[in-house]
Amino acid sequence: MTRQKGELHPRNRHHSRYDFASLTRDCPALAGFIITSPRGDETIDFANPQAVKTLNQALLAHFYGVTHWDIPEGFLCPPVPGRADYVHHLADLLADDNQGVVPRDASVLDIGVGANCIYPLIGNHDYGWRFTGSDVNAEALKSATAIIEANGLQSRIRLRRQKTPEAIFAGIIHKNEQFDATLCNPPFHDSAAGAQAGNERKRRNLGLADQPVLNFGGQEGELWCNGGEVAFITRMIAESKDYARQVVWFSSLVSRGDNLPPLYRALEQAGAVKVVKKEMSQGQKQSRFIAWTFLDAPARQRRRQKKA
């Protein structure tokens, strides 16, 4: 009997435990990392960065048709099921303005696309969305470009370099350009030390405290920035006002619930017309994202009808 994971979105492809027989058929390299847990189940060593990356390669190949995926050493290796949940909940938000139907022609901006390009890969496969991905890091964009080209997705995913590190939308959203939504996995921590402390807590929870390897990688801009995620998202909110008529829904992950009050205050000050919080869960891990718009419901529906 197949056991179920924690409360993922109904359309998420990752409700069941990993089927390693199927995954290794699509990614034979994964076979070299499969071990038996103390309970007798097949698993991998999640403290081994190469094992985690190979599992991602298998998941992307098996579920999303991404046959070529790799990231440079030291870059963030994202948990695919959790990233997919953000995409599916965002799809529900867009469906609310489209008579309950998820639009298949959405244009989405991924702020901080990273070396892994994970959100565009999932969103394009599952919903046919076109993506623009931005990043400040040239090496990350080089990696994302290689993934896009290797999988023949140049017509579906485009990338732009953010040349001004303190800017988020400026220089990325062009004049008269329209997006249905933005998404973002912001840097959670306020320093490298904070990111390391967070990693150590994660490892203690996994019973891996004696193995000091960063199992998911990540670096400045991915895991930390000055002021942490509250400062980053507050800056995003302030800047979003300048693009209020070009973007229907802005959104961002928020790692901790107690970071929400200052963000809600910033949204009120910015004049957001509607703010939505979407709670997400994967096993014991709880996460959420907030979304905001400066357009009222009739304006959002007109935008959708015009596009259709």
Protein backbone atom coordinates (compact mmCIF):
# COMPACT_ATOMS: atom_id res chain seq x y z
CA MET A 1 0.00 0.00 0.00
CA THR A 2 1.34 3.45 -0.91
CA ARG A 3 1.64 5.85 1.97
CA GLN A 4 0.84 9.51 1.51
CA LYS A 5 3.00 12.55 2.23
CA GLY A 6 1.77 15.67 4.07
CA GLU A 7 -0.87 17.92 2.57
CA LEU A 8 0.39 18.85 -0.87
CA HIS A 9 -1.82 20.60 -3.40
CA PRO A 10 -4.26 18.15 -5.07
CA ARG A 11 -2.62 18.67 -8.49
CA ASN A 12 0.89 18.19 -7.13
CA ARG A 13 2.50 15.16 -8.80
CA HIS A 14 4.39 14.16 -5.64
CA HIS A 15 1.74 12.93 -3.20
CA SER A 16 3.06 9.36 -3.08
CA ARG A 17 6.36 8.25 -1.64
CA TYR A 18 9.20 8.12 -4.13
CA ASP A 19 8.85 5.19 -6.55
CA PHE A 20 12.52 4.46 -6.98
CA ALA A 21 11.97 1.72 -9.57
CA SER A 22 10.24 4.20 -11.88
CA LEU A 23 12.65 7.01 -11.11
CA THR A 24 15.72 4.91 -11.89
CA ARG A 25 14.24 3.90 -15.24
CA ASP A 26 14.25 7.57 -16.23
CA CYS A 27 17.50 8.37 -14.41
CA PRO A 28 19.71 5.27 -14.09
CA ALA A 29 22.34 7.22 -12.14
CA LEU A 30 19.96 7.37 -9.17
CA ALA A 31 20.40 3.63 -8.57
CA GLY A 32 23.87 4.28 -7.19
CA PHE A 33 22.47 6.43 -4.39
CA ILE A 34 19.56 4.29 -3.17
CA ILE A 35 19.98 2.90 0.32
CA THR A 36 17.75 1.01 2.76
CA SER A 37 16.45 2.92 5.76
CA PRO A 38 16.33 1.37 9.27
CA ARG A 39 12.64 0.74 8.61
CA GLY A 40 13.47 -1.27 5.51
CA ASP A 41 12.31 1.37 2.98
CA GLU A 42 14.25 2.49 -0.07
CA THR A 43 15.55 6.03 0.30
CA ILE A 44 18.64 8.13 -0.38
CA ASP A 45 21.15 9.80 1.92
CA PHE A 46 19.77 13.34 2.11
CA ALA A 47 23.06 14.47 3.66
CA ASN A 48 24.83 13.66 0.39
CA PRO A 49 24.60 16.65 -2.01
CA GLN A 50 25.18 14.48 -5.07
CA ALA A 51 22.41 12.09 -4.02
CA VAL A 52 19.98 14.99 -3.56
CA LYS A 53 20.90 16.48 -6.93
CA THR A 54 20.52 13.12 -8.67
CA LEU A 55 17.11 12.62 -7.05
CA ASN A 56 16.08 16.01 -8.48
CA GLN A 57 17.32 14.95 -11.91
CA ALA A 58 15.20 11.82 -11.65
CA LEU A 59 12.08 13.67 -10.49
CA LEU A 60 12.39 16.27 -13.24
CA ALA A 61 12.95 13.62 -15.90
CA HIS A 62 10.14 11.36 -14.73
CA PHE A 63 7.43 13.91 -13.95
CA TYR A 64 8.29 16.93 -16.10
CA GLY A 65 10.11 15.62 -19.16
CA VAL A 66 13.28 17.52 -18.26
CA THR A 67 15.94 15.16 -19.54
CA HIS A 68 18.94 17.43 -18.94
CA TRP A 69 19.29 19.23 -15.59
CA ASP A 70 22.35 20.12 -13.56
CA ILE A 71 23.56 22.93 -11.30
CA PRO A 72 27.05 24.12 -10.40
CA GLU A 73 28.49 23.10 -7.05
CA GLY A 74 27.42 25.37 -4.21
CA PHE A 75 24.13 26.54 -5.74
CA LEU A 76 20.73 25.88 -4.22
CA CYS A 77 19.29 22.44 -4.95
CA PRO A 78 15.55 22.93 -4.46
CA PRO A 79 13.03 20.40 -3.11
CA VAL A 80 10.90 19.74 -6.18
CA PRO A 81 7.60 18.81 -4.43
CA GLY A 82 7.54 22.02 -2.39
CA ARG A 83 8.42 24.20 -5.37
CA ALA A 84 5.63 22.54 -7.37
CA ASP A 85 3.14 23.40 -4.62
CA TYR A 86 3.84 27.13 -5.01
CA VAL A 87 3.17 26.86 -8.76
CA HIS A 88 -0.13 25.02 -8.24
CA HIS A 89 -1.44 27.42 -5.61
CA LEU A 90 -0.47 30.35 -7.83
CA ALA A 91 -2.41 28.66 -10.63
CA ASP A 92 -5.49 28.60 -8.38
CA LEU A 93 -5.08 32.32 -7.78
CA LEU A 94 -5.04 33.00 -11.53
CA ALA A 95 -8.04 30.70 -11.99
CA ASP A 96 -10.06 32.86 -9.56
CA ASP A 97 -9.96 35.65 -12.17
CA ASN A 98 -10.82 33.26 -15.00
CA GLN A 99 -14.11 31.64 -13.94
CA GLY A 100 -12.28 28.94 -12.01
CA VAL A 101 -10.20 27.76 -14.98
CA VAL A 102 -6.41 27.84 -14.78
CA PRO A 103 -5.21 29.93 -17.76
CA ARG A 104 -2.87 28.16 -20.14
CA ASP A 105 -1.52 31.38 -21.67
CA ALA A 106 -0.18 33.07 -18.53
CA SER A 107 3.02 35.07 -18.60
CA VAL A 108 4.95 34.73 -15.33
CA LEU A 109 8.05 36.48 -13.99
CA ASP A 110 10.35 34.48 -11.69
CA ILE A 111 12.39 36.83 -9.52
CA GLY A 112 15.64 35.05 -8.69
CA VAL A 113 15.34 32.18 -11.15
CA GLY A 114 18.61 30.77 -9.86
CA ALA A 115 20.89 28.19 -11.39
CA ASN A 116 18.17 25.54 -11.10
CA CYS A 117 15.38 27.28 -13.09
CA ILE A 118 12.90 25.14 -11.17
CA TYR A 119 9.72 27.24 -11.26
CA PRO A 120 9.77 27.82 -15.03
CA LEU A 121 10.39 24.11 -15.67
CA ILE A 122 7.40 23.07 -13.57
CA GLY A 123 5.05 25.88 -14.61
CA ASN A 124 5.74 25.47 -18.29
CA HIS A 125 5.26 21.70 -18.20
CA ASP A 126 2.11 21.59 -16.09
CA TYR A 127 0.31 24.70 -17.37
CA GLY A 128 2.04 25.79 -20.56
CA TRP A 129 2.96 29.16 -19.04
CA ARG A 130 5.63 31.34 -20.59
CA PHE A 131 8.29 32.49 -18.14
CA THR A 132 10.78 35.28 -17.77
CA GLY A 133 13.45 34.58 -15.17
CA SER A 134 15.69 37.22 -13.63
CA ASP A 135 18.81 36.96 -11.50
CA VAL A 136 21.77 39.08 -10.42
CA ASN A 137 24.22 36.19 -10.62
CA ALA A 138 25.86 35.61 -14.01
CA GLU A 139 26.88 32.04 -13.17
CA ALA A 140 23.32 31.19 -12.12
CA LEU A 141 21.98 32.54 -15.42
CA LYS A 142 24.62 30.59 -17.35
CA SER A 143 23.44 27.39 -15.65
CA ALA A 144 19.75 28.18 -16.19
CA THR A 145 20.47 28.97 -19.86
CA ALA A 146 22.17 25.60 -20.29
CA ILE A 147 19.11 23.82 -18.82
CA ILE A 148 16.72 25.73 -21.07
CA GLU A 149 18.74 25.08 -24.22
CA ALA A 150 19.39 21.40 -23.43
CA ASN A 151 15.64 20.83 -23.12
CA GLY A 152 14.62 22.90 -26.13
CA LEU A 153 12.66 25.46 -24.08
CA GLN A 154 14.07 28.66 -25.57
CA SER A 155 10.65 29.71 -26.90
CA ARG A 156 9.01 29.19 -23.49
CA ILE A 157 11.56 30.52 -21.00
CA ARG A 158 13.71 33.63 -21.37
CA LEU A 159 16.24 35.05 -18.93
CA ARG A 160 17.28 38.58 -17.98
CA ARG A 161 20.22 39.76 -15.92
CA GLN A 162 19.42 42.17 -13.09
CA LYS A 163 22.34 44.57 -13.37
CA THR A 164 21.31 46.66 -10.36
CA PRO A 165 21.49 44.43 -7.26
CA GLU A 166 19.30 46.68 -5.13
CA ALA A 167 16.51 46.66 -7.75
CA ILE A 168 13.94 43.90 -8.19
CA PHE A 169 11.57 44.81 -11.02
CA ALA A 170 13.35 47.87 -12.42
CA GLY A 171 15.36 46.94 -15.49
CA ILE A 172 13.57 43.59 -15.75
CA ILE A 173 9.97 44.54 -16.57
CA HIS A 174 10.14 46.50 -19.80
CA LYS A 175 7.92 49.40 -20.79
CA ASN A 176 4.40 48.29 -21.81
CA GLU A 177 5.21 44.67 -20.89
CA GLN A 178 2.47 42.71 -19.11
CA PHE A 179 2.69 39.80 -16.66
CA ASP A 180 -0.10 37.78 -15.12
CA ALA A 181 1.98 37.01 -12.02
CA THR A 182 5.38 37.15 -10.43
CA LEU A 183 6.81 34.61 -8.02
CA CYS A 184 9.88 34.62 -5.83
CA ASN A 185 11.80 32.43 -3.42
CA PRO A 186 13.50 35.24 -1.49
CA PRO A 187 16.72 34.96 0.52
CA PHE A 188 15.48 33.96 3.98
CA HIS A 189 18.48 34.80 6.17
CA ASP A 190 20.18 38.09 6.98
CA SER A 191 23.76 36.75 6.83
CA ALA A 192 25.90 33.77 5.91
CA ALA A 193 26.10 32.90 9.61
CA GLY A 194 22.32 32.89 9.82
CA ALA A 195 22.09 30.59 6.81
CA GLN A 196 24.64 28.23 8.38
CA ALA A 197 22.72 28.20 11.67
CA GLY A 198 19.51 27.39 9.78
CA ASN A 199 21.26 24.54 7.99
CA GLU A 200 22.53 23.15 11.28
CA ARG A 201 19.00 23.19 12.73
CA LYS A 202 17.76 21.33 9.67
CA ARG A 203 20.48 18.74 10.06
CA ARG A 204 19.74 18.25 13.76
CA ASN A 205 16.09 17.65 12.88
CA LEU A 206 17.23 15.00 10.39
CA GLY A 207 19.61 13.44 12.91
CA LEU A 208 22.63 14.53 10.87
CA ALA A 209 24.26 16.99 13.26
CA ASP A 210 27.61 15.20 13.09
CA GLN A 211 27.88 15.67 9.30
CA PRO A 212 28.53 19.39 8.54
CA VAL A 213 27.76 19.33 4.81
CA LEU A 214 25.38 21.85 3.27
CA ASN A 215 23.08 19.28 1.73
CA PHE A 216 21.01 21.74 -0.33
CA GLY A 217 23.73 24.29 -1.13
CA GLY A 218 22.96 27.95 -1.57
CA GLN A 219 24.87 31.20 -1.41
CA GLU A 220 24.42 34.94 -1.06
CA GLY A 221 21.34 36.09 -2.97
CA GLU A 222 19.82 32.63 -2.68
CA LEU A 223 19.89 32.10 1.09
CA TRP A 224 20.82 35.46 2.61
CA CYS A 225 20.86 39.21 2.05
CA ASN A 226 21.09 42.31 4.22
CA GLY A 227 18.00 42.45 6.39
CA GLY A 228 16.82 38.96 5.44
CA GLU A 229 13.51 38.14 3.81
CA VAL A 230 11.47 40.86 5.53
CA ALA A 231 13.75 43.54 4.12
CA PHE A 232 13.80 41.90 0.69
CA ILE A 233 10.03 41.44 0.40
CA THR A 234 9.37 44.92 1.83
CA ARG A 235 11.57 46.33 -0.91
CA MET A 236 9.71 44.21 -3.45
CA ILE A 237 6.36 45.54 -2.20
CA ALA A 238 7.52 49.16 -2.40
CA GLU A 239 8.87 48.71 -5.91
CA SER A 240 5.79 46.80 -7.09
CA LYS A 241 3.74 50.03 -6.92
CA ASP A 242 5.64 51.26 -9.97
CA TYR A 243 4.39 48.26 -11.97
CA ALA A 244 0.83 48.16 -10.61
CA ARG A 245 -0.70 48.26 -14.11
CA GLN A 246 1.76 45.87 -15.71
CA VAL A 247 1.45 42.94 -13.28
CA VAL A 248 -1.84 41.40 -12.15
CA TRP A 249 -0.53 39.44 -9.13
CA PHE A 250 2.77 39.87 -7.31
CA SER A 251 3.79 37.08 -4.96
CA SER A 252 6.58 35.80 -2.74
CA LEU A 253 7.28 32.91 -0.44
CA VAL A 254 7.49 33.83 3.26
CA SER A 255 9.49 31.37 5.34
CA ARG A 256 8.16 32.26 8.79
CA GLY A 257 4.64 33.18 9.84
CA ASP A 258 5.90 35.78 12.31
CA ASN A 259 7.38 37.71 9.37
CA LEU A 260 3.89 38.40 8.02
CA PRO A 261 2.77 41.37 10.20
CA PRO A 262 5.42 43.83 8.93
CA LEU A 263 4.74 42.68 5.38
CA TYR A 264 1.02 43.25 5.77
CA ARG A 265 1.76 46.77 7.05
CA ALA A 266 3.98 47.42 4.04
CA LEU A 267 1.22 46.21 1.71
CA GLU A 268 -1.32 48.48 3.36
CA GLN A 269 1.04 51.44 3.02
CA ALA A 270 1.65 50.56 -0.63
CA GLY A 271 -2.08 50.62 -1.35
CA ALA A 272 -2.56 46.99 -2.38
CA VAL A 273 -6.20 46.39 -3.29
CA LYS A 274 -6.20 42.72 -2.30
CA VAL A 275 -3.77 40.54 -0.36
CA VAL A 276 -3.95 36.74 -0.29
CA LYS A 277 -2.05 34.26 1.87
CA LYS A 278 -1.72 30.66 0.68
CA GLU A 279 -0.65 28.08 3.26
CA MET A 280 1.32 25.05 2.06
CA SER A 281 2.46 21.85 3.75
CA GLN A 282 4.81 18.99 2.94
CA GLY A 283 5.08 16.45 5.74
CA GLN A 284 6.15 18.37 8.84
CA LYS A 285 7.32 21.38 6.84
CA GLN A 286 4.96 24.36 6.78
CA SER A 287 5.35 27.20 4.31
CA ARG A 288 3.29 29.93 2.73
CA PHE A 289 3.30 32.64 0.13
CA ILE A 290 1.59 35.99 -0.02
CA ALA A 291 0.20 37.57 -3.17
CA TRP A 292 -1.01 41.10 -3.74
CA THR A 293 -2.56 43.13 -6.52
CA PHE A 294 -3.29 46.78 -7.20
CA LEU A 295 -6.17 45.90 -9.55
CA ASP A 296 -9.73 45.37 -8.35
CA ALA A 297 -11.68 42.25 -9.38
CA PRO A 298 -13.39 43.83 -12.44
CA ALA A 299 -10.06 45.14 -13.72
CA ARG A 300 -8.41 41.74 -13.25
CA GLN A 301 -11.24 40.02 -15.09
CA ARG A 302 -11.10 42.54 -17.94
CA ARG A 303 -7.38 41.94 -18.25
CA ARG A 304 -7.98 38.21 -18.45
CA GLN A 305 -10.82 38.57 -21.00
CA LYS A 306 -8.73 40.88 -23.14
CA LYS A 307 -5.87 38.41 -23.15
CA ALA A 308 -8.19 35.51 -24.01
